[in-house]
Amino acid sequence: MKDWLPLVKKTLENPHFICIDEDKKGREVYYLFHQYKANKYIKVIIKLGSNNKGYLISAFPTDNGKDGEKIIWTRSNN
């Protein structure tokens, strides 16, 4: 995971889109388009604490989102 830290940071600072996980309340999911092997995105999942701080849950490459995620922000909005 240590080797992933720069990519996780880049995903959190400049994502292509952000989702909320409607199945797991209090989680935000950040996606960054990044060609990693056969996958298309880096997915970073954070849990928002009561103090508005985010805690890293997981980060991994994926080729798509999952059912139950709702897009709340895209880079084109900015």
N, C-alpha and C. Protein backbone atom coordinates (compact mmCIF):
# COMPACT_ATOMS: atom_id res chain seq x y z
N MET A 1 0.83 -1.20 0.00
CA MET A 1 0.00 0.00 0.00
C MET A 1 0.86 1.25 0.00
N LYS A 2 2.04 1.20 0.59
CA LYS A 2 2.90 2.37 0.65
C LYS A 2 3.19 2.92 -0.74
N ASP A 3 3.38 2.04 -1.71
CA ASP A 3 3.64 2.47 -3.08
C ASP A 3 2.43 3.16 -3.71
N TRP A 4 1.26 2.91 -3.16
CA TRP A 4 0.03 3.49 -3.69
C TRP A 4 -0.25 4.88 -3.14
N LEU A 5 0.43 5.29 -2.11
CA LEU A 5 0.10 6.57 -1.46
C LEU A 5 0.07 7.77 -2.41
N PRO A 6 1.04 7.95 -3.31
CA PRO A 6 0.94 9.10 -4.22
C PRO A 6 -0.30 9.04 -5.11
N LEU A 7 -0.67 7.84 -5.56
CA LEU A 7 -1.85 7.71 -6.42
C LEU A 7 -3.14 7.91 -5.63
N VAL A 8 -3.18 7.44 -4.39
CA VAL A 8 -4.35 7.67 -3.53
C VAL A 8 -4.49 9.17 -3.27
N LYS A 9 -3.40 9.83 -2.97
CA LYS A 9 -3.44 11.28 -2.72
C LYS A 9 -3.93 12.02 -3.96
N LYS A 10 -3.42 11.65 -5.13
CA LYS A 10 -3.85 12.29 -6.38
C LYS A 10 -5.35 12.08 -6.61
N THR A 11 -5.84 10.89 -6.31
CA THR A 11 -7.26 10.58 -6.48
C THR A 11 -8.12 11.44 -5.56
N LEU A 12 -7.69 11.60 -4.32
CA LEU A 12 -8.47 12.41 -3.37
C LEU A 12 -8.40 13.90 -3.69
N GLU A 13 -7.27 14.36 -4.21
CA GLU A 13 -7.11 15.80 -4.49
C GLU A 13 -7.72 16.22 -5.83
N ASN A 14 -7.77 15.31 -6.79
CA ASN A 14 -8.22 15.68 -8.13
C ASN A 14 -8.99 14.52 -8.80
N PRO A 15 -10.09 14.08 -8.20
CA PRO A 15 -10.82 12.94 -8.76
C PRO A 15 -11.57 13.32 -10.04
N HIS A 16 -11.91 12.32 -10.82
CA HIS A 16 -12.77 12.56 -11.98
C HIS A 16 -14.23 12.61 -11.55
N PHE A 17 -14.59 11.80 -10.55
CA PHE A 17 -15.93 11.92 -9.97
C PHE A 17 -15.94 11.33 -8.57
N ILE A 18 -16.95 11.75 -7.80
CA ILE A 18 -17.13 11.31 -6.42
C ILE A 18 -18.55 10.76 -6.28
N CYS A 19 -18.66 9.66 -5.57
CA CYS A 19 -19.96 9.03 -5.31
C CYS A 19 -20.18 8.92 -3.81
N ILE A 20 -21.44 8.73 -3.45
CA ILE A 20 -21.75 8.29 -2.09
C ILE A 20 -22.18 6.83 -2.22
N ASP A 21 -21.91 6.07 -1.19
CA ASP A 21 -22.32 4.67 -1.15
C ASP A 21 -23.63 4.61 -0.40
N GLU A 22 -24.72 4.41 -1.14
CA GLU A 22 -26.04 4.41 -0.51
C GLU A 22 -26.27 3.18 0.38
N ASP A 23 -25.46 2.13 0.19
CA ASP A 23 -25.58 0.94 1.03
C ASP A 23 -24.82 1.08 2.34
N LYS A 24 -23.78 1.87 2.33
CA LYS A 24 -22.94 2.06 3.53
C LYS A 24 -22.87 3.56 3.82
N LYS A 25 -23.76 4.03 4.64
CA LYS A 25 -23.88 5.46 4.93
C LYS A 25 -22.58 6.02 5.49
N GLY A 26 -22.30 7.27 5.15
CA GLY A 26 -21.11 7.95 5.66
C GLY A 26 -19.85 7.68 4.86
N ARG A 27 -19.99 7.00 3.71
CA ARG A 27 -18.82 6.73 2.88
C ARG A 27 -18.88 7.52 1.59
N GLU A 28 -17.73 8.03 1.19
CA GLU A 28 -17.59 8.65 -0.11
C GLU A 28 -16.59 7.82 -0.91
N VAL A 29 -16.83 7.76 -2.21
CA VAL A 29 -16.00 6.96 -3.09
C VAL A 29 -15.44 7.88 -4.18
N TYR A 30 -14.13 7.97 -4.26
CA TYR A 30 -13.45 8.83 -5.22
C TYR A 30 -12.89 7.97 -6.35
N TYR A 31 -13.08 8.44 -7.58
CA TYR A 31 -12.57 7.73 -8.75
C TYR A 31 -11.65 8.64 -9.56
N LEU A 32 -10.55 8.07 -9.98
CA LEU A 32 -9.61 8.76 -10.86
C LEU A 32 -9.35 7.87 -12.05
N PHE A 33 -9.56 8.41 -13.26
CA PHE A 33 -9.24 7.63 -14.45
C PHE A 33 -7.74 7.41 -14.48
N HIS A 34 -7.35 6.15 -14.56
CA HIS A 34 -5.93 5.81 -14.54
C HIS A 34 -5.80 4.41 -15.13
N GLN A 35 -5.05 4.29 -16.17
CA GLN A 35 -4.88 2.98 -16.80
C GLN A 35 -3.91 2.14 -15.99
N TYR A 36 -4.44 1.28 -15.15
CA TYR A 36 -3.63 0.38 -14.34
C TYR A 36 -3.93 -1.04 -14.79
N LYS A 37 -2.99 -1.61 -15.52
CA LYS A 37 -3.19 -2.94 -16.13
C LYS A 37 -4.47 -2.90 -16.96
N ALA A 38 -5.42 -3.78 -16.73
CA ALA A 38 -6.64 -3.81 -17.53
C ALA A 38 -7.74 -2.94 -16.95
N ASN A 39 -7.50 -2.35 -15.78
CA ASN A 39 -8.53 -1.54 -15.13
C ASN A 39 -8.45 -0.08 -15.60
N LYS A 40 -9.54 0.64 -15.38
CA LYS A 40 -9.63 2.00 -15.86
C LYS A 40 -9.59 3.06 -14.78
N TYR A 41 -9.91 2.71 -13.56
CA TYR A 41 -10.01 3.70 -12.50
C TYR A 41 -9.26 3.24 -11.26
N ILE A 42 -8.83 4.22 -10.48
CA ILE A 42 -8.40 3.98 -9.12
C ILE A 42 -9.58 4.39 -8.25
N LYS A 43 -9.99 3.51 -7.37
CA LYS A 43 -11.14 3.75 -6.50
C LYS A 43 -10.63 3.90 -5.07
N VAL A 44 -10.99 5.01 -4.43
CA VAL A 44 -10.57 5.26 -3.05
C VAL A 44 -11.84 5.47 -2.22
N ILE A 45 -11.98 4.69 -1.17
CA ILE A 45 -13.17 4.75 -0.32
C ILE A 45 -12.77 5.36 1.02
N ILE A 46 -13.51 6.39 1.42
CA ILE A 46 -13.26 7.00 2.73
C ILE A 46 -14.54 6.98 3.54
N LYS A 47 -14.39 6.92 4.84
CA LYS A 47 -15.52 7.03 5.76
C LYS A 47 -15.41 8.37 6.45
N LEU A 48 -16.49 9.11 6.45
CA LEU A 48 -16.50 10.42 7.08
C LEU A 48 -16.84 10.28 8.55
N GLY A 49 -15.99 10.82 9.41
CA GLY A 49 -16.22 10.77 10.84
C GLY A 49 -17.11 11.92 11.29
N SER A 50 -17.49 11.89 12.54
CA SER A 50 -18.36 12.93 13.09
C SER A 50 -17.67 14.28 13.13
N ASN A 51 -16.36 14.30 13.05
CA ASN A 51 -15.60 15.55 13.06
C ASN A 51 -15.27 16.03 11.65
N ASN A 52 -15.97 15.49 10.64
CA ASN A 52 -15.77 15.83 9.23
C ASN A 52 -14.38 15.47 8.71
N LYS A 53 -13.69 14.58 9.39
CA LYS A 53 -12.43 14.06 8.87
C LYS A 53 -12.74 12.76 8.15
N GLY A 54 -11.98 12.50 7.09
CA GLY A 54 -12.16 11.26 6.35
C GLY A 54 -11.11 10.24 6.75
N TYR A 55 -11.54 8.99 6.81
CA TYR A 55 -10.65 7.89 7.15
C TYR A 55 -10.60 6.92 5.98
N LEU A 56 -9.41 6.61 5.52
CA LEU A 56 -9.24 5.72 4.38
C LEU A 56 -9.71 4.31 4.74
N ILE A 57 -10.64 3.79 3.94
CA ILE A 57 -11.14 2.44 4.12
C ILE A 57 -10.40 1.49 3.19
N SER A 58 -10.30 1.87 1.91
CA SER A 58 -9.67 1.00 0.93
C SER A 58 -9.32 1.79 -0.33
N ALA A 59 -8.39 1.25 -1.10
CA ALA A 59 -8.02 1.82 -2.40
C ALA A 59 -7.59 0.67 -3.30
N PHE A 60 -8.12 0.68 -4.53
CA PHE A 60 -7.78 -0.41 -5.45
C PHE A 60 -8.18 -0.03 -6.87
N PRO A 61 -7.61 -0.73 -7.87
CA PRO A 61 -8.00 -0.48 -9.26
C PRO A 61 -9.31 -1.19 -9.57
N THR A 62 -10.10 -0.61 -10.46
CA THR A 62 -11.38 -1.21 -10.85
C THR A 62 -11.73 -0.75 -12.27
N ASP A 63 -12.62 -1.48 -12.90
CA ASP A 63 -13.04 -1.07 -14.24
C ASP A 63 -14.40 -0.39 -14.25
N ASN A 64 -15.07 -0.36 -13.09
CA ASN A 64 -16.35 0.36 -13.02
C ASN A 64 -16.78 0.53 -11.56
N GLY A 65 -17.85 1.30 -11.38
CA GLY A 65 -18.41 1.48 -10.05
C GLY A 65 -19.26 0.29 -9.66
N LYS A 66 -19.95 0.42 -8.53
CA LYS A 66 -20.81 -0.69 -8.10
C LYS A 66 -22.24 -0.19 -7.94
N ASP A 67 -23.16 -1.12 -7.96
CA ASP A 67 -24.56 -0.78 -7.71
C ASP A 67 -24.66 -0.18 -6.31
N GLY A 68 -25.48 0.82 -6.16
CA GLY A 68 -25.66 1.46 -4.87
C GLY A 68 -24.80 2.70 -4.69
N GLU A 69 -24.00 3.04 -5.70
CA GLU A 69 -23.23 4.29 -5.65
C GLU A 69 -23.95 5.36 -6.46
N LYS A 70 -23.99 6.55 -5.91
CA LYS A 70 -24.66 7.67 -6.58
C LYS A 70 -23.65 8.79 -6.78
N ILE A 71 -23.50 9.24 -8.01
CA ILE A 71 -22.54 10.32 -8.31
C ILE A 71 -23.05 11.62 -7.71
N ILE A 72 -22.19 12.28 -6.93
CA ILE A 72 -22.55 13.56 -6.32
C ILE A 72 -21.71 14.71 -6.85
N TRP A 73 -20.61 14.40 -7.57
CA TRP A 73 -19.75 15.44 -8.10
C TRP A 73 -18.96 14.87 -9.26
N THR A 74 -18.80 15.65 -10.32
CA THR A 74 -17.91 15.27 -11.42
C THR A 74 -16.98 16.44 -11.70
N ARG A 75 -15.87 16.12 -12.28
CA ARG A 75 -14.87 17.15 -12.56
C ARG A 75 -15.44 18.23 -13.47
N SER A 76 -16.36 17.89 -14.33
CA SER A 76 -16.96 18.90 -15.22
C SER A 76 -17.79 19.92 -14.47
N ASN A 77 -18.18 19.61 -13.21
CA ASN A 77 -18.92 20.58 -12.39
C ASN A 77 -18.04 21.72 -11.92
N ASN A 78 -16.76 21.52 -11.93
CA ASN A 78 -15.84 22.48 -11.34
C ASN A 78 -15.28 23.42 -12.36
